[in-house]
Each structure stands twice: as C-alpha cells, then as structure tokens.
Amino acid sequence: MEFSPSPRHTVGVEWELQLLDPETLDLVDGIMPLMEFFPDASYVKPELIQSCVELNSCISETSDAAVKHLQQSLHKLMQRCSELEMSACGAGTHPFCRRLALITPQPRYRHMEEDAGYLAHTQITFSTHVHVGMASGDEAMCAMSRLIPAMSALIALAANSPFWRGHETGHAAYRHRILAAAPNYGLPTRFRDWQAFDEFLGAARRASMIETFKDIHWDIRPHPDFGTLEIRAMDSASDLRTVHGLVAFARALTLQVVAASANEVAEVLPVELPNWIEHQNRYRAGLRGLDAEYIIDSTGSHRPLRDIVADLLDFCAASATEINEERGLQVAREILHGKPGYELQLETYRSDNSARSVTRMLQQSLLNGADTKHSNV
C-alpha cells in the first residue's frame, strides 16, 4: 500500500458527538434524518451507530484553523438538530443510556455488524481523532513507535467517560473498557518502517483479520490515503476549547518526537517498555486519569502521570512555537491544571445525584460553543 505524503504537517480533526432527545436527554437514533440536510457528507458524517454524528474539520495549517472550521459546522449542526427536535453533547460515553445501539445502514457498517454480531450494538462510544500530516510512511512509523508510551498521557488528559448506563464506573475513561471487548483495539505494535507495516497489512488480509487498514482501530495508526498519523486514543471532548487544547498538544507532540533524536525522546518518555508495563500504564490512565501513577521502568518505579503530561507539554513547547500552536498548547496546560472532563462530570453528578444533570451540563457546554456570536474560540 502506498503512503500519500503530506509534507506540510497539516492537521485534521474528527469529533464524534452524541445525538440526544431534548426532553429526556437520552440518546436518539437521529443520524438518518439529520444527514438529509448534509447530502454531500463532507464535514458532517454518520458513524457506526445511529446516535452518533461526526464533525470533520477541513485540512488545516494549525489547530486554531481546524477548530474554527469545526465551530462553523457545529453551528449548522445544532440549527438542523433543533429543526428535527434533537440536541447533542460531547463525551466518551452517554451518562445513563441503557439500550443497545442501532447500526447505521451503510454497507461498511452492515459488514461490521455481521462480523461483530451482538458486540457491534454495545459499542456506544464517542471519541476525538487527530490527523497529523506525515512526509512519508517511514516518518509515520517512527512517530507511531515513539508515541506509544505517550498514549497514557493523551488518554488521561482527554478522559471524559466516567459513567456507563447510569453507573459511576470508577473509571475516568470507561470508553476504553467497552472497546476492549473487540479485536484490533488498544496499543499498536511497533514497525521498523513502512515496508514492515505494509507486510503486516498483507498478512492480516490473507488471514482474514482485516479487509482494509480501516479495520485496525488502534489508539494510533497511519492513514495512508490521507498521508497522516491518526491519534485515536482520546474521548470525545465536551466543548471546542477542550478540542483545541487536545489537538494542539497531539500535533505539537507528534512533530516534536519526529524532529527530536532518540536520546532526546528518551529523556521524557520511556523507550520500549515491556509490553505488560505499556498496557498497565494505559489501563491506569483510563482508570485514574491524571491521578494515575505511570510506571517508568521494568523495576516497577513510577511517577505521577500528571508530571509526565507536564514534562511532555514542556518537551513540545519549542515545536509548538514553530508551528503556531502556542495558544492551543496553553489551553492544554489549563486543562492539566484545572478540571478535566471526567472531573466536571463527577462534580455535577455528586452535586445533584443525577445522571441527567450530567447530560444537561454536557449539552449546555456544547451549545455554548456552537454560538458563534459569543464563543471565544
């Protein structure tokens, strides 16, 4: 498979939102009537389940530009949702919905349903994906390998799914536990170069493991058609400001690990930890969020994950300046030192003892960002 290069290190965003009944605040299967308003499906798209709508940014030079484009689409989306007596919100899981998902009737999704069976109807999750343009497939493989230990930091900073079916799960990002039931999710393996990854794809197809690379749902993967490295580990954000911070951090960090030497990367991230440690760190990030302890070596030594995130923000500060991401990186710092999404949800729940109050708060957060006249995005 050929990798289509993107030499300018552009950025693109996919932001999955929940469609809601405005009265009950439960999920509603509204994507089919909604898509009648967006027939070209360029920037507003369906996803696997009918209670999800995906907003795509245009290919952008900075996270600022990508988020401003998302805001325009969000404003139009909320207008159309209102006309259809729907609303929307952003979070990794819905706080209290208990029913199974209805699959979107498109050929690819029908095929996924046939392969996964009942499991397809339980994958009621929502995420934020960031595409960073890569100059070559080899560069994408280098960046992917070096970023594997950083997935825990991105998971924790973006964690926004503490509830599942009305229950307080004890997890900051429970979305990852739901997805863990399916194959081809989680951390990727490392590949020495693009040829090695291409050989893997060929073997996986011959083994009927996948049909295309899109069937690989790792936390981070290359997208050869777009010429990007796609970071997929993060929960859906509740507002555009948070999207901005996460996208800027993901982009600046990706470009910094490419530009830095292996020794420089090793100063802030453990290099090729044992598999069990990498998976344990990822689990801890989903469980405790920014309060997790991050294992740094095979002896079991550990550091607060919050400190790891702070180090990574400092590490990519120079890159952020070069690519005009200083403003977005500052937002990421504010998320780190403030209240991430999962804490805001839990705080609301414990105040009102109501999962509907949580959903109402999420709904209002999104509506505020959709107001182009009053938003500071």
Protein backbone atom coordinates (compact mmCIF):
# COMPACT_ATOMS: atom_id res chain seq x y z
CA MET A 1 0.00 0.00 0.00
CA GLU A 2 1.34 3.41 -0.98
CA PHE A 3 1.56 6.23 1.57
CA SER A 4 0.45 9.60 0.17
CA PRO A 5 2.81 12.12 1.78
CA SER A 6 1.65 15.31 3.44
CA PRO A 7 4.86 17.34 3.73
CA ARG A 8 3.37 20.44 5.39
CA HIS A 9 2.44 18.61 8.62
CA THR A 10 -1.18 19.69 8.31
CA VAL A 11 -3.81 18.79 10.90
CA GLY A 12 -7.37 17.49 10.72
CA VAL A 13 -9.92 16.57 13.40
CA GLU A 14 -12.76 14.08 13.68
CA TRP A 15 -15.11 14.83 16.58
CA GLU A 16 -17.88 12.35 17.40
CA LEU A 17 -20.95 13.80 19.12
CA GLN A 18 -23.97 12.22 20.78
CA LEU A 19 -27.46 12.87 19.40
CA LEU A 20 -29.99 13.49 22.19
CA ASP A 21 -33.71 13.71 22.75
CA PRO A 22 -34.01 17.28 24.11
CA GLU A 23 -36.67 16.29 26.65
CA THR A 24 -35.40 13.01 28.10
CA LEU A 25 -31.71 13.70 27.26
CA ASP A 26 -31.37 10.02 26.29
CA LEU A 27 -29.63 9.03 23.07
CA VAL A 28 -31.77 9.22 19.95
CA ASP A 29 -31.22 7.41 16.63
CA GLY A 30 -31.32 10.56 14.56
CA ILE A 31 -28.48 10.35 12.07
CA MET A 32 -30.57 9.32 9.05
CA PRO A 33 -32.96 12.31 9.03
CA LEU A 34 -30.07 14.58 10.03
CA MET A 35 -27.95 13.54 7.05
CA GLU A 36 -30.71 14.66 4.67
CA PHE A 37 -29.55 18.18 5.50
CA PHE A 38 -25.93 17.28 4.68
CA PRO A 39 -26.14 15.18 1.49
CA ASP A 40 -22.51 15.64 0.45
CA ALA A 41 -21.28 14.42 3.87
CA SER A 42 -18.05 16.39 3.56
CA TYR A 43 -17.77 17.69 7.10
CA VAL A 44 -20.84 16.22 8.83
CA LYS A 45 -20.87 12.43 8.63
CA PRO A 46 -22.60 9.32 10.01
CA GLU A 47 -20.77 6.75 12.09
CA LEU A 48 -21.32 3.11 13.06
CA ILE A 49 -24.23 3.82 15.40
CA GLN A 50 -27.24 5.97 14.57
CA SER A 51 -27.00 8.04 17.76
CA CYS A 52 -23.62 9.46 16.68
CA VAL A 53 -22.73 12.27 14.30
CA GLU A 54 -19.14 13.01 13.31
CA LEU A 55 -17.86 16.51 12.59
CA ASN A 56 -14.74 16.68 10.41
CA SER A 57 -12.55 19.75 10.11
CA CYS A 58 -11.03 20.81 6.85
CA ILE A 59 -7.34 20.09 6.29
CA SER A 60 -5.73 22.90 8.27
CA GLU A 61 -2.37 24.52 8.91
CA THR A 62 -3.00 24.88 12.67
CA SER A 63 -5.34 23.65 15.37
CA ASP A 64 -6.79 27.19 15.54
CA ALA A 65 -7.95 26.92 11.93
CA ALA A 66 -9.27 23.39 12.37
CA VAL A 67 -11.31 24.31 15.45
CA LYS A 68 -12.75 27.42 13.82
CA HIS A 69 -13.93 25.27 10.93
CA LEU A 70 -15.43 22.76 13.38
CA GLN A 71 -17.28 25.61 15.06
CA GLN A 72 -18.91 26.61 11.77
CA SER A 73 -20.07 23.02 11.22
CA LEU A 74 -21.24 22.74 14.83
CA HIS A 75 -23.33 25.88 14.48
CA LYS A 76 -25.05 24.47 11.38
CA LEU A 77 -25.45 21.07 13.02
CA MET A 78 -27.20 22.49 16.09
CA GLN A 79 -29.56 24.51 13.89
CA ARG A 80 -30.56 21.37 11.98
CA CYS A 81 -30.85 19.32 15.17
CA SER A 82 -33.24 21.91 16.56
CA GLU A 83 -35.40 21.68 13.44
CA LEU A 84 -35.57 17.91 13.93
CA GLU A 85 -36.32 18.26 17.65
CA MET A 86 -32.95 16.85 18.66
CA SER A 87 -29.98 18.12 20.60
CA ALA A 88 -26.38 16.94 21.07
CA CYS A 89 -23.50 16.71 23.51
CA GLY A 90 -19.88 15.56 23.65
CA ALA A 91 -18.45 12.87 25.95
CA GLY A 92 -16.82 9.45 25.61
CA THR A 93 -19.96 7.65 26.81
CA HIS A 94 -23.55 8.67 27.49
CA PRO A 95 -24.18 9.02 31.25
CA PHE A 96 -27.28 6.85 31.50
CA CYS A 97 -28.47 5.31 28.19
CA ARG A 98 -29.19 1.58 28.73
CA ARG A 99 -30.41 0.31 25.38
CA LEU A 100 -28.41 -1.25 22.58
CA ALA A 101 -27.28 0.76 19.57
CA LEU A 102 -28.96 0.77 16.17
CA ILE A 103 -26.43 0.34 13.35
CA THR A 104 -26.29 2.89 10.53
CA PRO A 105 -27.49 1.18 7.30
CA GLN A 106 -24.39 1.68 5.16
CA PRO A 107 -22.50 -1.21 3.53
CA ARG A 108 -19.34 -0.90 5.64
CA TYR A 109 -21.26 -0.66 8.90
CA ARG A 110 -23.56 -3.53 7.96
CA HIS A 111 -20.47 -5.63 7.29
CA MET A 112 -19.02 -4.65 10.68
CA GLU A 113 -22.30 -5.67 12.29
CA GLU A 114 -22.20 -9.06 10.57
CA ASP A 115 -18.64 -9.65 11.75
CA ALA A 116 -19.12 -8.47 15.33
CA GLY A 117 -22.67 -9.66 15.99
CA TYR A 118 -24.13 -8.51 19.30
CA LEU A 119 -20.88 -6.76 20.14
CA ALA A 120 -21.46 -4.12 17.46
CA HIS A 121 -24.60 -2.96 19.28
CA THR A 122 -22.74 -2.42 22.55
CA GLN A 123 -20.01 -0.14 21.16
CA ILE A 124 -21.80 3.06 22.19
CA THR A 125 -18.72 5.24 22.47
CA PHE A 126 -17.59 8.60 21.12
CA SER A 127 -14.07 9.89 20.50
CA THR A 128 -11.86 12.70 19.23
CA HIS A 129 -9.38 11.79 16.48
CA VAL A 130 -6.45 13.94 15.34
CA HIS A 131 -4.73 13.52 11.97
CA VAL A 132 -1.20 14.91 11.63
CA GLY A 133 0.32 15.08 8.16
CA MET A 134 3.46 12.98 7.66
CA ALA A 135 6.14 13.42 5.00
CA SER A 136 6.44 9.65 4.41
CA GLY A 137 5.31 6.26 5.61
CA ASP A 138 8.66 5.78 7.34
CA GLU A 139 8.19 9.04 9.24
CA ALA A 140 4.71 7.90 10.28
CA MET A 141 6.09 4.62 11.61
CA CYS A 142 8.84 6.43 13.53
CA ALA A 143 6.33 8.80 15.10
CA MET A 144 3.90 5.99 15.94
CA SER A 145 6.55 3.91 17.69
CA ARG A 146 7.83 6.86 19.70
CA LEU A 147 4.31 7.96 20.70
CA ILE A 148 3.14 4.60 22.06
CA PRO A 149 4.32 5.41 25.63
CA ALA A 150 2.58 8.82 25.36
CA MET A 151 -0.88 7.35 24.75
CA SER A 152 -1.46 7.19 28.51
CA ALA A 153 -0.89 10.95 28.76
CA LEU A 154 -3.37 11.69 25.97
CA ILE A 155 -5.95 9.27 27.38
CA ALA A 156 -5.74 10.89 30.82
CA LEU A 157 -5.86 14.50 29.63
CA ALA A 158 -8.86 13.76 27.40
CA ALA A 159 -10.64 11.38 29.82
CA ASN A 160 -14.35 12.17 29.67
CA SER A 161 -16.36 8.98 30.22
CA PRO A 162 -16.81 8.17 33.92
CA PHE A 163 -20.38 6.83 33.51
CA TRP A 164 -21.90 3.80 31.82
CA ARG A 165 -25.61 3.00 31.79
CA GLY A 166 -26.34 5.20 34.78
CA HIS A 167 -23.50 3.86 36.91
CA GLU A 168 -20.49 5.72 38.24
CA THR A 169 -17.84 3.32 36.93
CA GLY A 170 -14.81 4.41 38.96
CA HIS A 171 -13.00 4.95 35.64
CA ALA A 172 -12.05 8.34 34.24
CA ALA A 173 -12.28 6.97 30.66
CA TYR A 174 -14.54 3.92 30.73
CA ARG A 175 -14.86 4.08 26.93
CA HIS A 176 -11.66 2.06 26.67
CA ARG A 177 -13.12 -0.82 28.71
CA ILE A 178 -16.07 -1.04 26.31
CA LEU A 179 -13.85 -1.07 23.24
CA ALA A 180 -11.51 -3.64 24.78
CA ALA A 181 -14.10 -6.33 24.06
CA ALA A 182 -13.49 -6.02 20.32
CA PRO A 183 -10.42 -7.10 18.32
CA ASN A 184 -7.90 -4.66 16.84
CA TYR A 185 -8.27 -2.05 19.59
CA GLY A 186 -5.68 -0.73 22.02
CA LEU A 187 -1.97 -0.13 21.62
CA PRO A 188 -0.32 -0.93 18.28
CA THR A 189 2.81 -2.94 17.79
CA ARG A 190 5.99 -1.25 16.56
CA PHE A 191 7.15 -1.47 12.95
CA ARG A 192 10.68 -0.64 11.85
CA ASP A 193 9.49 1.15 8.68
CA TRP A 194 6.61 1.45 6.22
CA GLN A 195 7.56 -1.74 4.39
CA ALA A 196 7.23 -3.73 7.60
CA PHE A 197 3.77 -2.24 8.22
CA ASP A 198 2.76 -2.96 4.62
CA GLU A 199 3.85 -6.58 5.06
CA PHE A 200 1.72 -6.77 8.21
CA LEU A 201 -1.31 -5.46 6.29
CA GLY A 202 -0.83 -8.11 3.61
CA ALA A 203 -0.58 -10.90 6.17
CA ALA A 204 -3.59 -9.60 8.10
CA ARG A 205 -5.69 -9.54 4.93
CA ARG A 206 -4.65 -13.05 3.94
CA ALA A 207 -5.54 -14.23 7.44
CA SER A 208 -9.00 -12.59 7.09
CA MET A 209 -8.17 -10.48 10.13
CA ILE A 210 -8.97 -7.28 8.20
CA GLU A 211 -10.16 -6.19 4.77
CA THR A 212 -8.56 -2.74 4.79
CA PHE A 213 -6.38 -0.74 7.17
CA LYS A 214 -9.58 0.96 8.38
CA ASP A 215 -10.42 -2.26 10.22
CA ILE A 216 -7.47 -1.56 12.55
CA HIS A 217 -8.77 0.53 15.44
CA TRP A 218 -5.58 1.05 17.42
CA ASP A 219 -5.05 4.08 19.67
CA ILE A 220 -2.74 5.39 16.96
CA ARG A 221 -2.41 4.26 13.35
CA PRO A 222 -1.25 5.53 9.96
CA HIS A 223 -3.82 6.63 7.40
CA PRO A 224 -2.05 6.10 4.06
CA ASP A 225 -4.84 7.58 1.94
CA PHE A 226 -4.67 10.88 3.83
CA GLY A 227 -0.92 10.75 4.41
CA THR A 228 -1.39 11.18 8.14
CA LEU A 229 -0.74 9.63 11.51
CA GLU A 230 -4.12 9.33 13.23
CA ILE A 231 -4.28 9.59 17.03
CA ARG A 232 -7.47 7.86 18.16
CA ALA A 233 -6.99 7.37 21.92
CA MET A 234 -8.91 10.39 23.19
CA ASP A 235 -12.51 10.55 24.44
CA SER A 236 -14.91 12.91 22.73
CA ALA A 237 -14.45 16.37 24.21
CA SER A 238 -17.41 18.29 25.61
CA ASP A 239 -16.56 21.68 24.10
CA LEU A 240 -14.49 23.31 21.38
CA ARG A 241 -12.00 24.82 23.81
CA THR A 242 -11.04 21.35 25.01
CA VAL A 243 -10.85 20.10 21.42
CA HIS A 244 -8.44 22.95 20.72
CA GLY A 245 -6.13 22.03 23.60
CA LEU A 246 -6.10 18.33 22.79
CA VAL A 247 -5.48 18.84 19.07
CA ALA A 248 -2.66 21.34 19.63
CA PHE A 249 -0.97 19.04 22.14
CA ALA A 250 -1.32 15.96 19.92
CA ARG A 251 0.02 17.80 16.87
CA ALA A 252 2.94 19.51 18.62
CA LEU A 253 3.95 16.31 20.41
CA THR A 254 3.82 14.27 17.20
CA LEU A 255 6.04 16.69 15.33
CA GLN A 256 8.43 17.03 18.27
CA VAL A 257 9.06 13.29 18.56
CA VAL A 258 9.78 13.20 14.83
CA ALA A 259 12.21 16.12 14.99
CA ALA A 260 13.99 15.01 18.17
CA SER A 261 16.72 12.41 18.45
CA ALA A 262 16.01 9.06 20.09
CA ASN A 263 18.03 10.16 23.14
CA GLU A 264 16.02 13.38 23.47
CA VAL A 265 12.74 11.46 23.33
CA ALA A 266 14.06 9.01 25.94
CA GLU A 267 14.54 11.89 28.38
CA VAL A 268 10.78 12.40 28.66
CA LEU A 269 9.32 9.03 27.62
CA PRO A 270 10.46 5.51 28.48
CA VAL A 271 11.75 3.80 25.35
CA GLU A 272 10.11 0.46 24.52
CA LEU A 273 8.93 -0.56 27.94
CA PRO A 274 7.96 -4.21 28.36
CA ASN A 275 4.57 -4.92 26.85
CA TRP A 276 2.95 -5.56 30.23
CA ILE A 277 4.04 -2.15 31.52
CA GLU A 278 2.77 -0.29 28.45
CA HIS A 279 -0.62 -1.96 28.78
CA GLN A 280 -0.71 -1.36 32.53
CA ASN A 281 0.08 2.33 32.06
CA ARG A 282 -2.69 2.62 29.51
CA TYR A 283 -5.16 0.90 31.85
CA ARG A 284 -4.17 3.13 34.76
CA ALA A 285 -4.68 6.26 32.66
CA GLY A 286 -8.22 5.16 31.81
CA LEU A 287 -8.92 4.24 35.42
CA ARG A 288 -7.47 7.16 37.40
CA GLY A 289 -7.00 9.78 34.71
CA LEU A 290 -4.45 12.41 35.64
CA ASP A 291 -4.18 10.97 39.15
CA ALA A 292 -2.67 7.71 37.86
CA GLU A 293 0.85 6.55 38.63
CA TYR A 294 2.91 5.90 35.49
CA ILE A 295 5.39 3.01 35.56
CA ILE A 296 8.70 4.23 34.11
CA ASP A 297 10.89 1.12 34.06
CA SER A 298 10.95 -2.66 34.44
CA THR A 299 11.84 -2.43 38.15
CA GLY A 300 8.38 -1.01 38.86
CA SER A 301 9.47 2.56 39.58
CA HIS A 302 6.73 5.07 38.87
CA ARG A 303 5.89 8.77 38.68
CA PRO A 304 2.60 10.70 38.78
CA LEU A 305 1.10 10.72 35.30
CA ARG A 306 0.26 14.37 35.84
CA ASP A 307 4.01 15.08 35.96
CA ILE A 308 4.58 13.07 32.78
CA VAL A 309 1.97 15.19 30.98
CA ALA A 310 3.60 18.38 32.24
CA ASP A 311 7.01 17.18 31.01
CA LEU A 312 5.57 16.37 27.59
CA LEU A 313 3.97 19.80 27.34
CA ASP A 314 7.34 21.37 28.08
CA PHE A 315 9.05 18.99 25.66
CA CYS A 316 6.92 20.08 22.71
CA ALA A 317 6.82 23.79 23.55
CA ALA A 318 9.57 24.62 21.03
CA SER A 319 7.78 22.71 18.29
CA ALA A 320 4.51 24.45 19.20
CA THR A 321 6.14 27.83 18.64
CA GLU A 322 7.44 26.82 15.22
CA ILE A 323 4.05 25.56 14.04
CA ASN A 324 1.88 28.27 15.66
CA GLU A 325 0.38 26.06 18.35
CA GLU A 326 1.32 28.16 21.41
CA ARG A 327 -2.29 29.21 22.09
CA GLY A 328 -3.64 25.68 21.88
CA LEU A 329 -0.81 24.30 23.99
CA GLN A 330 -1.65 26.84 26.68
CA VAL A 331 -5.22 25.53 26.68
CA ALA A 332 -3.83 22.01 27.19
CA ARG A 333 -1.86 23.30 30.20
CA GLU A 334 -5.02 24.85 31.60
CA ILE A 335 -6.83 21.50 31.27
CA LEU A 336 -3.96 19.80 33.12
CA HIS A 337 -4.01 22.31 35.98
CA GLY A 338 -7.79 22.72 36.03
CA LYS A 339 -10.61 20.19 35.89
CA PRO A 340 -10.58 17.64 33.05
CA GLY A 341 -13.83 16.37 31.60
CA TYR A 342 -14.29 13.38 33.87
CA GLU A 343 -13.93 15.53 37.00
CA LEU A 344 -16.51 18.02 35.76
CA GLN A 345 -18.97 15.18 35.10
CA LEU A 346 -18.40 13.63 38.53
CA GLU A 347 -18.68 17.00 40.25
CA THR A 348 -22.05 17.64 38.60
CA TYR A 349 -23.30 14.16 39.46
CA ARG A 350 -22.32 14.41 43.12
CA SER A 351 -23.94 17.81 43.39
CA ASP A 352 -27.34 16.72 42.02
CA ASN A 353 -27.14 12.90 42.32
CA SER A 354 -28.49 12.76 38.79
CA ALA A 355 -27.01 11.38 35.58
CA ARG A 356 -29.50 13.54 33.67
CA SER A 357 -27.96 16.61 35.27
CA VAL A 358 -24.62 15.46 33.91
CA THR A 359 -26.08 15.12 30.41
CA ARG A 360 -27.71 18.53 30.70
CA MET A 361 -24.36 20.05 31.65
CA LEU A 362 -22.69 18.36 28.66
CA GLN A 363 -25.47 19.58 26.38
CA GLN A 364 -25.06 23.16 27.57
CA SER A 365 -21.28 23.04 27.15
CA LEU A 366 -21.70 22.10 23.50
CA LEU A 367 -24.43 24.66 22.88
CA ASN A 368 -22.22 27.42 24.25
CA GLY A 369 -19.51 26.52 21.76
CA ALA A 370 -21.97 26.44 18.89
CA ASP A 371 -22.92 30.07 19.50
CA THR A 372 -20.56 31.81 17.09
CA LYS A 373 -21.53 35.27 18.38
CA HIS A 374 -20.50 34.65 21.99
CA SER A 375 -17.88 31.93 21.78
CA ASN A 376 -14.21 32.84 22.39
CA VAL A 377 -12.92 30.01 20.20
